[in-house]
Amino acid sequence: MKLVFASDSFKGSLSSERTAQLLTKAAEEIFDETECFSLPVADGGEGTLEAVVSATGGGFVEAWARDPMGNPRRTHYGVTGDGRAIIEMAAASGLTLVPAEQRDPESASSYGTGELIQDALARGYRDVSVAIGGSATNDGGMGCARALGIRFLDERGQELDGIGSDLGRVHSIDMAGLDPRLAGATLTVMCDVTNPLCGPDGATQTFGAQKGASQEALQRLEEGMCHYRDVLLRTFGKDADQMPGAGAAGGLGAALMILLGANMRSGIETVLDLIGFETLLKEADLVITGEGRTDWQSCHGKVMQGIGEYARRRGVPVIGLSGSLGLGADQILAHGITALTTTVNAPMELDEAMERAEELYLDAARNMFRMVKVGMKLGK
C-alpha cells in the first residue's frame, strides 16, 4: 500500500516534517507492507519557503534587502531543485521585522521585496514566485516597484519615496526604467487573500490597524490608496478594486499584477505544483493531511482544501488528522477530504494538548491506521 503524507504544520507544536515522521512510524507498526511518501507543505504563508525547498531538493540564497523601515539586513529566499526562485515578502517587508513600538505603515516600504526579486533576476532565475502576506507595509507596492526601476512622480515631476504617506501624492508613473529582465520572466503571486485595494474590505481598512496605524492614519492612508487606485486606473486601464487579491500585503498584490504583470494564484495550489504533488499521487492508495485546527476557514485556500481537491481529481481518498475540529469543520468534506479525526482523546486544556502533541498525534495515527486496516479487511 502506498501512503502519502502531506500535512500543514501544527503551529506551536508539530512541524509538517514531524507529522510525517510520526505517521510513518505508526504506519510501519500497523501494516505489514507499506510505502510511505511525505511532503512538507504550506499554503503560501508561514513555512512556505522551507516546505518548497525541502520537497524539491533545492536550497537557499542569501541576499541583502532593506527592511520595511529602510534598514539594510541580511535575509534569504529559496530556489527549487529545478531552478525556480521562491520569495517570501515577509522576509524583507514583514511585520515581525519591525518592533511593535516602531510600526508605522505611513513610513514603511516594500522596497526590500523588490530587491529580492531583482537579486533573483540578476542570478538568472526567470521563474519567480512571490508569497505575499504578513507585511508591515501599506504602500500599494510602490516600494517594491521602485526597486525594479519604476518611478512614482508628484505633480512637479519629482520622484517619490514610495512609502504609505506618498500614496495621495502620486501624479504619474514612469515605467521607462523597468528592469528589462522582467520581460523574459514569469512572475507568480502566491496569495489566498481576496481583498480589493480600497474600501471596507481593502488593504488599509482590513489590515492597517495591526500594522500600527492610528484611526487618523487609517483615514489618510485610505484616502491616499483611493487616489493611487485612480492613478492606476487612469494610466493602465485596470481597476484594482475589481481585482481579487489587489489589497493583499498592503496593496503589493496590485503592484505585482498591474505594474509587473504577475499572475495571481492560490498559495496552496502553487505550492503543490512546485513540489510535484500531483505526480506523487499516481498509484497512491491513501493520503493523510491535517492541520492544528480544522474549521470553516480551512475551505478558503488552506492546505487541507488544496490537498483534498488535488487528490479528488485522481480518485484518491484523503483522511484529515487534525489537532481539533472547530465550527464548520465538516465543510472540508466537500473538498475531497473523505473523513476527519482528531488527536485529542479526552477533554483537556489547549496547553496540555500542545505539550503532549507528539504523544497524542502518534496514538491518534495508530488508531486511524487500525481503522483503515479494518476497512481493508471489509473490502476484501
Protein backbone atom coordinates (compact mmCIF):
# COMPACT_ATOMS: atom_id res chain seq x y z
CA MET A 1 0.00 0.00 0.00
CA LYS A 2 1.29 3.43 -0.96
CA LEU A 3 0.62 6.18 1.58
CA VAL A 4 1.26 9.88 1.01
CA PHE A 5 1.62 12.23 3.98
CA ALA A 6 1.13 15.96 3.42
CA SER A 7 0.07 17.92 6.50
CA ASP A 8 0.38 21.58 7.37
CA SER A 9 2.33 22.44 10.49
CA PHE A 10 0.53 22.34 13.83
CA LYS A 11 1.63 25.83 14.81
CA GLY A 12 3.37 25.90 18.16
CA SER A 13 3.71 22.14 18.46
CA LEU A 14 4.43 19.98 15.38
CA SER A 15 6.15 20.80 12.11
CA SER A 16 4.93 19.42 8.82
CA GLU A 17 8.04 17.20 8.69
CA ARG A 18 7.44 15.86 12.20
CA THR A 19 3.85 14.83 11.48
CA ALA A 20 5.14 12.82 8.50
CA GLN A 21 7.74 11.09 10.69
CA LEU A 22 5.10 10.13 13.25
CA LEU A 23 2.70 8.91 10.55
CA THR A 24 5.46 6.76 9.05
CA LYS A 25 6.22 5.24 12.45
CA ALA A 26 2.55 4.44 13.06
CA ALA A 27 2.01 3.01 9.57
CA GLU A 28 5.00 0.71 9.85
CA GLU A 29 3.69 -0.58 13.17
CA ILE A 30 0.18 -1.30 11.88
CA PHE A 31 0.67 -2.52 8.32
CA ASP A 32 2.74 -5.48 7.18
CA GLU A 33 3.79 -3.89 3.89
CA THR A 34 3.57 -0.23 3.07
CA GLU A 35 5.38 2.51 1.17
CA CYS A 36 5.32 5.90 2.85
CA PHE A 37 5.99 9.14 0.99
CA SER A 38 5.97 12.50 2.72
CA LEU A 39 5.91 16.09 1.54
CA PRO A 40 6.16 19.12 3.82
CA VAL A 41 3.52 21.60 2.67
CA ALA A 42 2.27 25.09 3.43
CA ASP A 43 -0.42 27.36 1.99
CA GLY A 44 1.72 30.24 0.81
CA GLY A 45 2.06 31.75 4.27
CA GLU A 46 4.41 30.90 7.09
CA GLY A 47 6.64 27.92 6.32
CA THR A 48 6.11 28.02 2.56
CA LEU A 49 9.74 28.63 1.71
CA GLU A 50 11.06 25.79 3.84
CA ALA A 51 8.37 23.39 2.59
CA VAL A 52 9.07 24.02 -1.10
CA VAL A 53 12.85 23.93 -0.75
CA SER A 54 12.74 20.72 1.26
CA ALA A 55 10.31 18.96 -1.09
CA THR A 56 12.20 19.88 -4.27
CA GLY A 57 15.75 19.32 -3.07
CA GLY A 58 16.50 22.99 -3.50
CA GLY A 59 18.40 25.45 -1.37
CA PHE A 60 18.54 28.99 -0.04
CA VAL A 61 20.15 32.12 -1.43
CA GLU A 62 21.39 34.80 0.95
CA ALA A 63 20.80 38.39 -0.12
CA TRP A 64 20.76 41.93 1.23
CA ALA A 65 17.44 43.76 1.29
CA ARG A 66 16.01 46.75 3.10
CA ASP A 67 13.53 46.07 5.88
CA PRO A 68 10.20 47.97 5.99
CA MET A 69 11.84 50.97 7.67
CA GLY A 70 14.69 51.15 5.15
CA ASN A 71 17.42 49.43 7.14
CA PRO A 72 19.62 47.02 5.15
CA ARG A 73 19.60 43.49 6.52
CA ARG A 74 20.78 40.04 5.54
CA THR A 75 17.93 37.78 4.54
CA HIS A 76 17.28 34.96 2.06
CA TYR A 77 14.94 33.40 -0.48
CA GLY A 78 14.63 29.87 -1.82
CA VAL A 79 15.32 28.09 -5.08
CA THR A 80 13.83 24.78 -6.16
CA GLY A 81 15.81 21.85 -7.45
CA ASP A 82 14.73 22.68 -11.00
CA GLY A 83 15.80 26.31 -10.85
CA ARG A 84 12.80 28.38 -9.79
CA ALA A 85 13.02 31.16 -7.22
CA ILE A 86 10.61 31.37 -4.26
CA ILE A 87 10.44 34.65 -2.35
CA GLU A 88 8.55 35.31 0.88
CA MET A 89 7.88 39.03 1.01
CA ALA A 90 7.77 38.80 4.81
CA ALA A 91 11.50 38.02 4.75
CA ALA A 92 12.16 41.60 3.66
CA SER A 93 8.95 43.54 4.32
CA GLY A 94 7.35 41.57 7.13
CA LEU A 95 5.60 42.90 10.22
CA THR A 96 7.79 40.84 12.53
CA LEU A 97 10.87 42.71 11.32
CA VAL A 98 9.66 45.92 12.98
CA PRO A 99 9.39 46.27 16.79
CA ALA A 100 5.79 46.94 17.84
CA GLU A 101 6.55 50.45 19.07
CA GLN A 102 8.15 51.39 15.72
CA ARG A 103 5.43 50.15 13.38
CA ASP A 104 4.17 52.89 11.08
CA PRO A 105 2.63 51.97 7.71
CA GLU A 106 2.81 55.60 6.58
CA SER A 107 6.61 55.37 6.69
CA ALA A 108 7.07 51.70 5.76
CA SER A 109 8.08 50.49 2.31
CA SER A 110 8.03 47.19 0.40
CA TYR A 111 11.29 48.17 -1.34
CA GLY A 112 13.13 45.17 0.11
CA THR A 113 10.77 42.73 -1.57
CA GLY A 114 11.61 44.31 -4.91
CA GLU A 115 15.31 43.96 -4.08
CA LEU A 116 14.85 40.22 -3.57
CA ILE A 117 13.09 39.91 -6.93
CA GLN A 118 15.89 41.91 -8.53
CA ASP A 119 18.51 39.68 -6.91
CA ALA A 120 16.80 36.57 -8.27
CA LEU A 121 16.69 38.07 -11.77
CA ALA A 122 20.36 39.05 -11.53
CA ARG A 123 21.27 35.45 -10.67
CA GLY A 124 19.49 34.20 -13.77
CA TYR A 125 16.20 32.96 -12.34
CA ARG A 126 13.34 33.59 -14.73
CA ASP A 127 10.53 31.78 -12.92
CA VAL A 128 9.88 33.69 -9.71
CA SER A 129 7.05 33.09 -7.23
CA VAL A 130 6.36 35.63 -4.50
CA ALA A 131 4.40 34.60 -1.39
CA ILE A 132 2.75 37.74 -0.06
CA GLY A 133 1.33 38.15 3.42
CA GLY A 134 2.33 39.29 6.88
CA SER A 135 3.54 42.67 5.65
CA ALA A 136 4.37 45.77 7.69
CA THR A 137 3.58 47.96 4.71
CA ASN A 138 0.65 49.83 3.22
CA ASP A 139 2.40 51.48 0.27
CA GLY A 140 0.41 49.95 -2.60
CA GLY A 141 3.53 48.03 -3.58
CA MET A 142 5.24 51.23 -4.75
CA GLY A 143 8.40 50.41 -2.83
CA CYS A 144 8.71 47.01 -4.49
CA ALA A 145 8.09 48.54 -7.91
CA ARG A 146 10.69 51.29 -7.31
CA ALA A 147 13.36 48.68 -6.57
CA LEU A 148 12.67 47.30 -10.04
CA GLY A 149 13.03 50.62 -11.82
CA ILE A 150 9.54 52.16 -11.79
CA ARG A 151 9.32 55.82 -10.77
CA PHE A 152 6.36 57.44 -9.00
CA LEU A 153 6.23 61.17 -9.62
CA ASP A 154 4.36 64.00 -7.92
CA GLU A 155 2.72 66.97 -9.70
CA ARG A 156 6.10 68.70 -10.07
CA GLY A 157 7.69 65.62 -11.62
CA GLN A 158 9.73 64.88 -8.52
CA GLU A 159 10.25 61.20 -7.65
CA LEU A 160 8.52 59.98 -4.50
CA ASP A 161 9.99 57.57 -1.97
CA GLY A 162 7.07 55.18 -2.43
CA ILE A 163 6.03 54.91 1.23
CA GLY A 164 2.49 54.85 2.58
CA SER A 165 2.28 58.61 3.04
CA ASP A 166 3.12 59.09 -0.66
CA LEU A 167 0.00 57.33 -1.95
CA GLY A 168 -2.02 60.52 -2.18
CA ARG A 169 0.82 62.42 -3.88
CA VAL A 170 1.26 60.18 -6.92
CA HIS A 171 0.52 62.10 -10.10
CA SER A 172 2.15 59.89 -12.74
CA ILE A 173 4.03 56.61 -13.08
CA ASP A 174 7.17 56.33 -15.20
CA MET A 175 7.73 52.79 -16.46
CA ALA A 176 10.76 53.59 -18.67
CA GLY A 177 13.32 52.25 -16.20
CA LEU A 178 11.58 48.92 -15.50
CA ASP A 179 14.11 46.10 -15.23
CA PRO A 180 14.18 44.62 -18.78
CA ARG A 181 14.81 41.14 -17.40
CA LEU A 182 11.18 41.04 -16.26
CA ALA A 183 10.09 40.88 -19.90
CA GLY A 184 11.53 37.38 -20.17
CA ALA A 185 10.44 36.22 -16.74
CA THR A 186 7.35 34.58 -15.30
CA LEU A 187 6.22 36.22 -12.07
CA THR A 188 3.64 34.47 -9.90
CA VAL A 189 1.93 35.87 -6.82
CA MET A 190 1.10 33.26 -4.20
CA CYS A 191 -1.88 34.59 -2.27
CA ASP A 192 -5.19 33.40 -0.85
CA VAL A 193 -6.42 36.80 0.31
CA THR A 194 -9.11 38.20 -2.00
CA ASN A 195 -9.30 41.75 -0.62
CA PRO A 196 -9.63 44.59 -3.13
CA LEU A 197 -7.31 47.59 -2.89
CA CYS A 198 -9.73 50.06 -1.29
CA GLY A 199 -12.93 50.17 0.75
CA PRO A 200 -14.04 48.44 3.96
CA ASP A 201 -12.51 45.14 2.82
CA GLY A 202 -9.43 46.76 1.29
CA ALA A 203 -5.79 46.80 2.28
CA THR A 204 -5.96 49.74 4.68
CA GLN A 205 -9.25 49.17 6.48
CA THR A 206 -8.70 45.43 6.92
CA PHE A 207 -5.03 45.26 7.84
CA GLY A 208 -3.81 48.79 8.58
CA ALA A 209 -4.52 48.86 12.30
CA GLN A 210 -2.49 45.72 13.01
CA LYS A 211 0.45 47.38 11.26
CA GLY A 212 0.41 50.26 13.72
CA ALA A 213 -1.87 52.81 12.06
CA SER A 214 -3.98 55.08 14.28
CA GLN A 215 -7.53 55.98 13.29
CA GLU A 216 -6.28 59.26 11.85
CA ALA A 217 -3.54 57.46 9.92
CA LEU A 218 -6.04 54.92 8.60
CA GLN A 219 -8.14 57.71 7.16
CA ARG A 220 -5.12 59.33 5.48
CA LEU A 221 -3.91 56.01 4.11
CA GLU A 222 -7.35 55.08 2.77
CA GLU A 223 -7.72 58.42 1.04
CA GLY A 224 -4.24 58.03 -0.41
CA MET A 225 -4.91 54.47 -1.55
CA CYS A 226 -8.10 55.55 -3.33
CA HIS A 227 -6.12 58.26 -5.13
CA TYR A 228 -3.43 55.70 -6.06
CA ARG A 229 -6.13 53.33 -7.34
CA ASP A 230 -7.45 56.11 -9.59
CA VAL A 231 -3.97 56.81 -10.97
CA LEU A 232 -3.52 53.11 -11.77
CA LEU A 233 -6.91 53.04 -13.50
CA ARG A 234 -6.19 56.20 -15.49
CA THR A 235 -2.72 55.01 -16.52
CA PHE A 236 -3.23 51.29 -17.16
CA GLY A 237 -7.00 50.93 -17.53
CA LYS A 238 -7.18 48.41 -14.69
CA ASP A 239 -9.38 48.85 -11.62
CA ALA A 240 -7.62 47.38 -8.60
CA ASP A 241 -10.90 47.31 -6.70
CA GLN A 242 -12.15 44.73 -9.20
CA MET A 243 -9.05 42.53 -8.87
CA PRO A 244 -9.25 39.93 -6.06
CA GLY A 245 -6.04 39.99 -4.06
CA ALA A 246 -5.02 43.51 -5.11
CA GLY A 247 -5.23 44.60 -1.47
CA ALA A 248 -3.01 41.80 -0.18
CA ALA A 249 0.15 42.82 1.68
CA GLY A 250 -0.75 46.49 1.84
CA GLY A 251 -1.53 46.70 -1.86
CA LEU A 252 1.54 44.80 -3.04
CA GLY A 253 -0.82 42.49 -4.90
CA ALA A 254 -1.98 45.42 -7.05
CA ALA A 255 1.57 46.48 -7.94
CA LEU A 256 2.70 42.98 -8.80
CA MET A 257 -0.27 42.36 -11.06
CA ILE A 258 -0.77 45.76 -12.71
CA LEU A 259 2.77 47.15 -12.82
CA LEU A 260 4.86 43.98 -13.08
CA GLY A 261 2.50 41.68 -14.99
CA ALA A 262 2.40 38.95 -12.37
CA ASN A 263 -0.18 36.18 -12.32
CA MET A 264 -2.19 35.73 -9.12
CA ARG A 265 -2.56 32.12 -7.97
CA SER A 266 -3.77 30.34 -4.87
CA GLY A 267 -0.87 29.84 -2.49
CA ILE A 268 -1.58 26.19 -1.77
CA GLU A 269 -2.12 25.37 -5.47
CA THR A 270 1.19 26.99 -6.36
CA VAL A 271 3.00 25.13 -3.60
CA LEU A 272 1.53 21.78 -4.64
CA ASP A 273 2.56 22.39 -8.24
CA LEU A 274 6.08 23.39 -7.20
CA ILE A 275 6.59 20.27 -5.12
CA GLY A 276 5.12 17.93 -7.74
CA PHE A 277 2.28 16.71 -5.56
CA GLU A 278 0.07 15.56 -8.42
CA THR A 279 2.83 13.32 -9.74
CA LEU A 280 3.25 11.76 -6.31
CA LEU A 281 -0.45 10.92 -6.23
CA LYS A 282 -0.04 8.47 -9.08
CA GLU A 283 -0.64 4.95 -7.74
CA ALA A 284 -1.26 6.34 -4.22
CA ASP A 285 -3.83 4.40 -2.18
CA LEU A 286 -4.41 6.93 0.61
CA VAL A 287 -3.40 10.46 1.55
CA ILE A 288 -3.17 11.76 5.11
CA THR A 289 -3.30 15.50 5.66
CA GLY A 290 -4.19 17.76 8.57
CA GLU A 291 -3.55 20.97 10.49
CA GLY A 292 -3.65 22.29 14.01
CA ARG A 293 -7.33 23.22 13.87
CA THR A 294 -9.83 22.48 11.14
CA ASP A 295 -12.85 24.76 10.83
CA TRP A 296 -14.75 26.76 8.19
CA GLN A 297 -11.60 28.75 7.33
CA SER A 298 -9.93 25.54 6.13
CA CYS A 299 -12.05 25.77 2.98
CA HIS A 300 -10.55 29.09 1.93
CA GLY A 301 -7.19 28.34 0.33
CA LYS A 302 -5.69 26.34 3.17
CA VAL A 303 -3.57 23.19 2.96
CA MET A 304 -6.31 20.62 3.56
CA GLN A 305 -8.54 22.07 0.85
CA GLY A 306 -5.72 22.05 -1.68
CA ILE A 307 -4.68 18.51 -0.83
CA GLY A 308 -8.27 17.30 -0.96
CA GLU A 309 -9.05 18.90 -4.31
CA TYR A 310 -5.90 17.53 -5.95
CA ALA A 311 -6.49 14.03 -4.58
CA ARG A 312 -10.13 14.01 -5.61
CA ARG A 313 -9.13 14.63 -9.22
CA ARG A 314 -7.01 11.49 -9.00
CA GLY A 315 -9.69 9.50 -7.19
CA VAL A 316 -7.52 9.05 -4.09
CA PRO A 317 -9.20 9.07 -0.65
CA VAL A 318 -7.93 11.54 1.96
CA ILE A 319 -8.15 11.41 5.75
CA GLY A 320 -7.68 14.57 7.76
CA LEU A 321 -5.92 14.13 11.11
CA SER A 322 -6.04 17.47 12.93
CA GLY A 323 -5.41 18.75 16.41
CA SER A 324 -9.03 19.84 16.84
CA LEU A 325 -12.23 20.40 14.89
CA GLY A 326 -14.00 23.75 15.13
CA LEU A 327 -17.15 25.37 13.80
CA GLY A 328 -17.86 24.34 10.22
CA ALA A 329 -15.11 21.71 10.07
CA ASP A 330 -17.40 19.36 8.16
CA GLN A 331 -17.42 21.81 5.23
CA ILE A 332 -13.99 20.48 4.27
CA LEU A 333 -15.64 17.16 3.34
CA ALA A 334 -16.96 18.87 0.19
CA HIS A 335 -13.36 19.45 -0.93
CA GLY A 336 -12.06 15.92 -1.35
CA ILE A 337 -11.47 15.07 2.31
CA THR A 338 -13.04 11.66 2.91
CA ALA A 339 -13.01 11.58 6.72
CA LEU A 340 -11.86 13.65 9.71
CA THR A 341 -10.41 12.71 13.06
CA THR A 342 -8.54 14.49 15.85
CA THR A 343 -5.52 13.90 18.01
CA VAL A 344 -7.16 14.89 21.32
CA ASN A 345 -8.52 11.78 23.05
CA ALA A 346 -10.10 13.34 26.15
CA PRO A 347 -11.20 16.75 27.48
CA MET A 348 -8.08 18.81 28.12
CA GLU A 349 -6.77 22.36 28.10
CA LEU A 350 -5.03 23.67 25.00
CA ASP A 351 -1.71 23.98 26.83
CA GLU A 352 -1.79 20.30 27.78
CA ALA A 353 -2.72 19.26 24.25
CA MET A 354 0.22 21.20 22.84
CA GLU A 355 2.66 19.90 25.44
CA ARG A 356 1.61 16.32 24.64
CA ALA A 357 1.33 16.94 20.89
CA GLU A 358 3.72 14.19 19.73
CA GLU A 359 2.30 11.55 22.06
CA LEU A 360 -1.30 12.39 21.13
CA TYR A 361 -0.56 12.57 17.41
CA LEU A 362 1.21 9.20 17.34
CA ASP A 363 -1.58 7.49 19.29
CA ALA A 364 -4.21 9.02 17.01
CA ALA A 365 -2.25 7.94 13.91
CA ARG A 366 -2.09 4.36 15.19
CA ASN A 367 -5.84 4.29 15.85
CA MET A 368 -6.55 5.84 12.46
CA PHE A 369 -4.48 3.23 10.65
CA ARG A 370 -6.14 0.44 12.64
CA MET A 371 -9.50 1.67 11.34
CA VAL A 372 -8.08 1.78 7.80
CA LYS A 373 -6.92 -1.82 8.23
CA VAL A 374 -10.42 -2.84 9.31
CA GLY A 375 -11.79 -1.16 6.19
CA MET A 376 -9.32 -3.05 4.04
CA LYS A 377 -10.46 -6.37 5.50
CA LEU A 378 -14.11 -5.46 4.99
CA GLY A 379 -13.32 -4.52 1.40
CA LYS A 380 -11.94 -7.98 0.76
